[in-house]
Amino acid sequence: MTRDEFVDAAFAELRRIERGEVTVELVEGDILIGKVHYQTSNGWTIVVFSHGDAWDYIDSITAPTGEQFPLWPDEPAHDSEGMVKLRSYHPPGNQSTTIWGFLA
């Protein structure tokens, strides 16, 4: 899978979560601070960084196949618009609370 295909697939999974077609389960971490690991019912792993029990940013995403592209590349030349949008993603409305379990 190319980086662009990965970004498209990750956004498709996030949209399925938004529509209620896919569920998420907290598997590791504390929603109050730090990295919070979720597993989707489709096998994706999504790690969200929490700051004071609020969704801050997506830290990493791993596809069910184990494929992963760095969302925070070491060099600007390895960054892409899709990766910037992916790490900046926030669930719409109150879904960070109702679906993901954050308090704020």
N, C-alpha and C. Protein backbone atom coordinates (compact mmCIF):
# COMPACT_ATOMS: atom_id res chain seq x y z
N MET A 1 0.85 -1.17 0.00
CA MET A 1 0.00 0.00 0.00
C MET A 1 0.90 1.24 0.00
N THR A 2 0.60 2.19 -0.86
CA THR A 2 1.36 3.44 -0.88
C THR A 2 0.92 4.32 0.28
N ARG A 3 1.68 5.37 0.52
CA ARG A 3 1.32 6.30 1.58
C ARG A 3 -0.04 6.93 1.32
N ASP A 4 -0.30 7.32 0.06
CA ASP A 4 -1.60 7.93 -0.27
C ASP A 4 -2.74 6.93 -0.10
N GLU A 5 -2.52 5.69 -0.48
CA GLU A 5 -3.54 4.65 -0.29
C GLU A 5 -3.80 4.42 1.20
N PHE A 6 -2.73 4.46 2.00
CA PHE A 6 -2.86 4.30 3.43
C PHE A 6 -3.70 5.43 4.02
N VAL A 7 -3.41 6.66 3.64
CA VAL A 7 -4.17 7.82 4.13
C VAL A 7 -5.64 7.67 3.76
N ASP A 8 -5.92 7.31 2.50
CA ASP A 8 -7.31 7.13 2.06
C ASP A 8 -8.00 6.03 2.87
N ALA A 9 -7.33 4.92 3.09
CA ALA A 9 -7.91 3.80 3.84
C ALA A 9 -8.14 4.19 5.30
N ALA A 10 -7.20 4.93 5.90
CA ALA A 10 -7.36 5.37 7.28
C ALA A 10 -8.54 6.32 7.42
N PHE A 11 -8.67 7.27 6.49
CA PHE A 11 -9.81 8.17 6.54
C PHE A 11 -11.12 7.43 6.32
N ALA A 12 -11.11 6.43 5.46
CA ALA A 12 -12.32 5.62 5.24
C ALA A 12 -12.72 4.93 6.54
N GLU A 13 -11.74 4.42 7.28
CA GLU A 13 -12.04 3.77 8.57
C GLU A 13 -12.59 4.78 9.57
N LEU A 14 -12.01 5.96 9.63
CA LEU A 14 -12.50 7.00 10.53
C LEU A 14 -13.94 7.40 10.17
N ARG A 15 -14.24 7.48 8.89
CA ARG A 15 -15.61 7.83 8.46
C ARG A 15 -16.60 6.71 8.82
N ARG A 16 -16.16 5.45 8.71
CA ARG A 16 -17.03 4.34 9.12
C ARG A 16 -17.32 4.41 10.61
N ILE A 17 -16.33 4.81 11.39
CA ILE A 17 -16.54 4.99 12.84
C ILE A 17 -17.56 6.09 13.07
N GLU A 18 -17.41 7.20 12.37
CA GLU A 18 -18.34 8.33 12.51
C GLU A 18 -19.78 7.91 12.20
N ARG A 19 -19.95 7.06 11.19
CA ARG A 19 -21.29 6.62 10.77
C ARG A 19 -21.83 5.48 11.63
N GLY A 20 -21.04 4.97 12.55
CA GLY A 20 -21.47 3.89 13.41
C GLY A 20 -21.38 2.52 12.77
N GLU A 21 -20.69 2.41 11.64
CA GLU A 21 -20.53 1.14 10.95
C GLU A 21 -19.42 0.29 11.57
N VAL A 22 -18.53 0.94 12.31
CA VAL A 22 -17.38 0.30 12.94
C VAL A 22 -17.31 0.79 14.38
N THR A 23 -16.95 -0.09 15.30
CA THR A 23 -16.81 0.30 16.69
C THR A 23 -15.34 0.43 17.07
N VAL A 24 -15.09 1.13 18.17
CA VAL A 24 -13.74 1.25 18.71
C VAL A 24 -13.75 0.79 20.16
N GLU A 25 -12.63 0.20 20.56
CA GLU A 25 -12.48 -0.26 21.93
C GLU A 25 -11.15 0.24 22.47
N LEU A 26 -11.18 0.84 23.64
CA LEU A 26 -9.95 1.27 24.29
C LEU A 26 -9.20 0.03 24.74
N VAL A 27 -7.96 -0.10 24.32
CA VAL A 27 -7.19 -1.30 24.67
C VAL A 27 -5.99 -0.99 25.57
N GLU A 28 -5.57 0.27 25.60
CA GLU A 28 -4.41 0.63 26.43
C GLU A 28 -4.35 2.13 26.59
N GLY A 29 -3.93 2.58 27.75
CA GLY A 29 -3.72 4.00 27.97
C GLY A 29 -4.76 4.60 28.90
N ASP A 30 -4.55 5.86 29.21
CA ASP A 30 -5.40 6.60 30.13
C ASP A 30 -5.92 7.83 29.40
N ILE A 31 -7.25 7.96 29.32
CA ILE A 31 -7.81 9.09 28.58
C ILE A 31 -7.46 10.44 29.21
N LEU A 32 -6.91 10.43 30.40
CA LEU A 32 -6.57 11.69 31.05
C LEU A 32 -5.32 12.34 30.48
N ILE A 33 -4.36 11.53 30.05
CA ILE A 33 -3.15 12.11 29.47
C ILE A 33 -2.31 11.04 28.78
N GLY A 34 -1.70 11.41 27.69
CA GLY A 34 -0.78 10.52 26.99
C GLY A 34 -1.41 9.77 25.84
N LYS A 35 -0.73 8.72 25.43
CA LYS A 35 -1.16 7.92 24.28
C LYS A 35 -2.25 6.93 24.69
N VAL A 36 -3.37 6.99 23.96
CA VAL A 36 -4.50 6.12 24.22
C VAL A 36 -4.70 5.24 22.99
N HIS A 37 -4.61 3.93 23.17
CA HIS A 37 -4.66 2.98 22.06
C HIS A 37 -6.08 2.43 21.92
N TYR A 38 -6.58 2.47 20.69
CA TYR A 38 -7.89 1.92 20.37
C TYR A 38 -7.74 0.87 19.28
N GLN A 39 -8.63 -0.11 19.32
CA GLN A 39 -8.71 -1.12 18.27
C GLN A 39 -10.10 -1.01 17.65
N THR A 40 -10.17 -0.95 16.32
CA THR A 40 -11.48 -0.91 15.68
C THR A 40 -11.96 -2.33 15.42
N SER A 41 -13.26 -2.46 15.20
CA SER A 41 -13.82 -3.78 14.93
C SER A 41 -13.35 -4.33 13.59
N ASN A 42 -12.72 -3.49 12.77
CA ASN A 42 -12.13 -3.93 11.50
C ASN A 42 -10.64 -4.24 11.64
N GLY A 43 -10.08 -4.09 12.85
CA GLY A 43 -8.68 -4.45 13.06
C GLY A 43 -7.67 -3.33 12.97
N TRP A 44 -8.09 -2.10 12.78
CA TRP A 44 -7.16 -0.97 12.77
C TRP A 44 -6.78 -0.62 14.20
N THR A 45 -5.57 -0.16 14.40
CA THR A 45 -5.14 0.38 15.69
C THR A 45 -4.94 1.87 15.51
N ILE A 46 -5.61 2.64 16.34
CA ILE A 46 -5.53 4.10 16.27
C ILE A 46 -5.07 4.58 17.64
N VAL A 47 -3.96 5.33 17.65
CA VAL A 47 -3.41 5.85 18.89
C VAL A 47 -3.65 7.36 18.90
N VAL A 48 -4.39 7.81 19.91
CA VAL A 48 -4.73 9.22 20.06
C VAL A 48 -3.96 9.77 21.25
N PHE A 49 -3.43 10.98 21.09
CA PHE A 49 -2.77 11.63 22.23
C PHE A 49 -3.81 12.46 22.96
N SER A 50 -3.93 12.20 24.25
CA SER A 50 -4.88 12.92 25.10
C SER A 50 -4.14 13.97 25.91
N HIS A 51 -4.76 15.11 26.01
CA HIS A 51 -4.20 16.18 26.84
C HIS A 51 -5.30 16.65 27.79
N GLY A 52 -5.22 16.23 29.05
CA GLY A 52 -6.22 16.63 30.02
C GLY A 52 -7.60 16.09 29.71
N ASP A 53 -7.69 14.83 29.37
CA ASP A 53 -8.89 14.07 29.01
C ASP A 53 -9.59 14.60 27.76
N ALA A 54 -8.86 15.32 26.91
CA ALA A 54 -9.40 15.82 25.65
C ALA A 54 -8.56 15.29 24.49
N TRP A 55 -9.22 14.96 23.40
CA TRP A 55 -8.56 14.52 22.17
C TRP A 55 -7.64 15.63 21.71
N ASP A 56 -6.36 15.33 21.56
CA ASP A 56 -5.41 16.34 21.07
C ASP A 56 -5.08 16.09 19.60
N TYR A 57 -4.54 14.89 19.28
CA TYR A 57 -4.20 14.58 17.90
C TYR A 57 -4.04 13.07 17.75
N ILE A 58 -4.05 12.61 16.51
CA ILE A 58 -3.76 11.20 16.24
C ILE A 58 -2.25 11.04 16.22
N ASP A 59 -1.76 10.13 17.04
CA ASP A 59 -0.32 9.89 17.14
C ASP A 59 0.14 8.87 16.10
N SER A 60 -0.65 7.81 15.92
CA SER A 60 -0.29 6.80 14.93
C SER A 60 -1.52 5.98 14.55
N ILE A 61 -1.43 5.37 13.39
CA ILE A 61 -2.47 4.46 12.91
C ILE A 61 -1.78 3.27 12.26
N THR A 62 -2.30 2.08 12.56
CA THR A 62 -1.77 0.86 11.97
C THR A 62 -2.93 0.11 11.31
N ALA A 63 -2.73 -0.28 10.06
CA ALA A 63 -3.75 -1.03 9.33
C ALA A 63 -3.81 -2.46 9.86
N PRO A 64 -4.91 -3.17 9.59
CA PRO A 64 -5.02 -4.57 10.03
C PRO A 64 -3.89 -5.46 9.50
N THR A 65 -3.30 -5.07 8.40
CA THR A 65 -2.19 -5.84 7.81
C THR A 65 -0.87 -5.59 8.52
N GLY A 66 -0.86 -4.61 9.45
CA GLY A 66 0.37 -4.24 10.15
C GLY A 66 1.08 -3.07 9.49
N GLU A 67 0.57 -2.63 8.34
CA GLU A 67 1.21 -1.50 7.66
C GLU A 67 1.00 -0.22 8.44
N GLN A 68 2.05 0.59 8.47
CA GLN A 68 2.00 1.86 9.18
C GLN A 68 2.96 2.82 8.49
N PHE A 69 2.52 4.05 8.35
CA PHE A 69 3.39 5.11 7.84
C PHE A 69 3.53 6.14 8.95
N PRO A 70 4.72 6.70 9.13
CA PRO A 70 4.89 7.68 10.20
C PRO A 70 4.04 8.92 9.96
N LEU A 71 3.20 9.25 10.93
CA LEU A 71 2.40 10.47 10.83
C LEU A 71 3.24 11.70 11.16
N TRP A 72 4.32 11.49 11.84
CA TRP A 72 5.22 12.57 12.26
C TRP A 72 6.61 12.28 11.71
N PRO A 73 6.84 12.49 10.41
CA PRO A 73 8.13 12.16 9.81
C PRO A 73 9.27 13.01 10.36
N ASP A 74 10.45 12.42 10.33
CA ASP A 74 11.64 13.12 10.83
C ASP A 74 12.06 14.27 9.93
N GLU A 75 11.75 14.16 8.65
CA GLU A 75 12.16 15.19 7.69
C GLU A 75 10.93 15.75 6.99
N PRO A 76 10.86 17.07 6.83
CA PRO A 76 9.71 17.68 6.16
C PRO A 76 9.47 17.13 4.75
N ALA A 77 10.52 16.71 4.09
CA ALA A 77 10.37 16.17 2.73
C ALA A 77 9.56 14.88 2.72
N HIS A 78 9.47 14.18 3.86
CA HIS A 78 8.73 12.93 3.94
C HIS A 78 7.28 13.14 4.40
N ASP A 79 6.91 14.40 4.63
CA ASP A 79 5.55 14.71 5.07
C ASP A 79 4.65 14.85 3.84
N SER A 80 3.35 14.80 4.07
CA SER A 80 2.41 15.00 2.97
C SER A 80 1.17 15.68 3.51
N GLU A 81 0.41 16.28 2.61
CA GLU A 81 -0.82 16.95 3.00
C GLU A 81 -1.78 15.96 3.68
N GLY A 82 -1.83 14.74 3.15
CA GLY A 82 -2.70 13.72 3.72
C GLY A 82 -2.31 13.37 5.15
N MET A 83 -1.02 13.26 5.42
CA MET A 83 -0.56 12.94 6.76
C MET A 83 -0.87 14.09 7.73
N VAL A 84 -0.71 15.33 7.26
CA VAL A 84 -1.05 16.48 8.10
C VAL A 84 -2.53 16.44 8.46
N LYS A 85 -3.38 16.17 7.48
CA LYS A 85 -4.83 16.10 7.74
C LYS A 85 -5.16 14.94 8.67
N LEU A 86 -4.48 13.83 8.50
CA LEU A 86 -4.76 12.65 9.32
C LEU A 86 -4.39 12.91 10.79
N ARG A 87 -3.21 13.44 11.04
CA ARG A 87 -2.83 13.67 12.43
C ARG A 87 -3.63 14.82 13.06
N SER A 88 -4.23 15.67 12.23
CA SER A 88 -5.04 16.79 12.72
C SER A 88 -6.52 16.42 12.87
N TYR A 89 -6.89 15.22 12.47
CA TYR A 89 -8.29 14.80 12.51
C TYR A 89 -8.85 14.88 13.94
N HIS A 90 -10.08 15.35 14.04
CA HIS A 90 -10.86 15.32 15.28
C HIS A 90 -12.24 14.80 14.94
N PRO A 91 -12.80 13.94 15.79
CA PRO A 91 -14.15 13.45 15.53
C PRO A 91 -15.14 14.61 15.52
N PRO A 92 -16.19 14.51 14.69
CA PRO A 92 -17.17 15.60 14.63
C PRO A 92 -18.05 15.65 15.88
N GLY A 93 -18.53 16.85 16.16
CA GLY A 93 -19.49 17.04 17.26
C GLY A 93 -18.97 16.48 18.57
N ASN A 94 -19.84 15.75 19.25
CA ASN A 94 -19.49 15.19 20.56
C ASN A 94 -19.02 13.74 20.47
N GLN A 95 -18.64 13.27 19.27
CA GLN A 95 -18.22 11.88 19.10
C GLN A 95 -16.95 11.53 19.86
N SER A 96 -16.10 12.52 20.16
CA SER A 96 -14.91 12.19 20.95
C SER A 96 -15.33 11.70 22.33
N THR A 97 -16.51 12.13 22.79
CA THR A 97 -17.05 11.67 24.07
C THR A 97 -17.90 10.42 23.89
N THR A 98 -18.86 10.48 22.97
CA THR A 98 -19.84 9.38 22.85
C THR A 98 -19.26 8.10 22.26
N ILE A 99 -18.30 8.21 21.36
CA ILE A 99 -17.73 7.03 20.71
C ILE A 99 -16.38 6.67 21.31
N TRP A 100 -15.52 7.67 21.50
CA TRP A 100 -14.14 7.42 21.91
C TRP A 100 -13.94 7.46 23.43
N GLY A 101 -14.90 7.99 24.18
CA GLY A 101 -14.83 7.96 25.63
C GLY A 101 -14.09 9.09 26.31
N PHE A 102 -13.69 10.11 25.53
CA PHE A 102 -13.03 11.25 26.16
C PHE A 102 -14.05 12.06 26.94
N LEU A 103 -13.61 12.77 27.95
CA LEU A 103 -14.52 13.53 28.79
C LEU A 103 -14.77 14.93 28.26
N ALA A 104 -13.83 15.44 27.47
CA ALA A 104 -13.99 16.80 26.95
C ALA A 104 -13.82 16.81 25.46
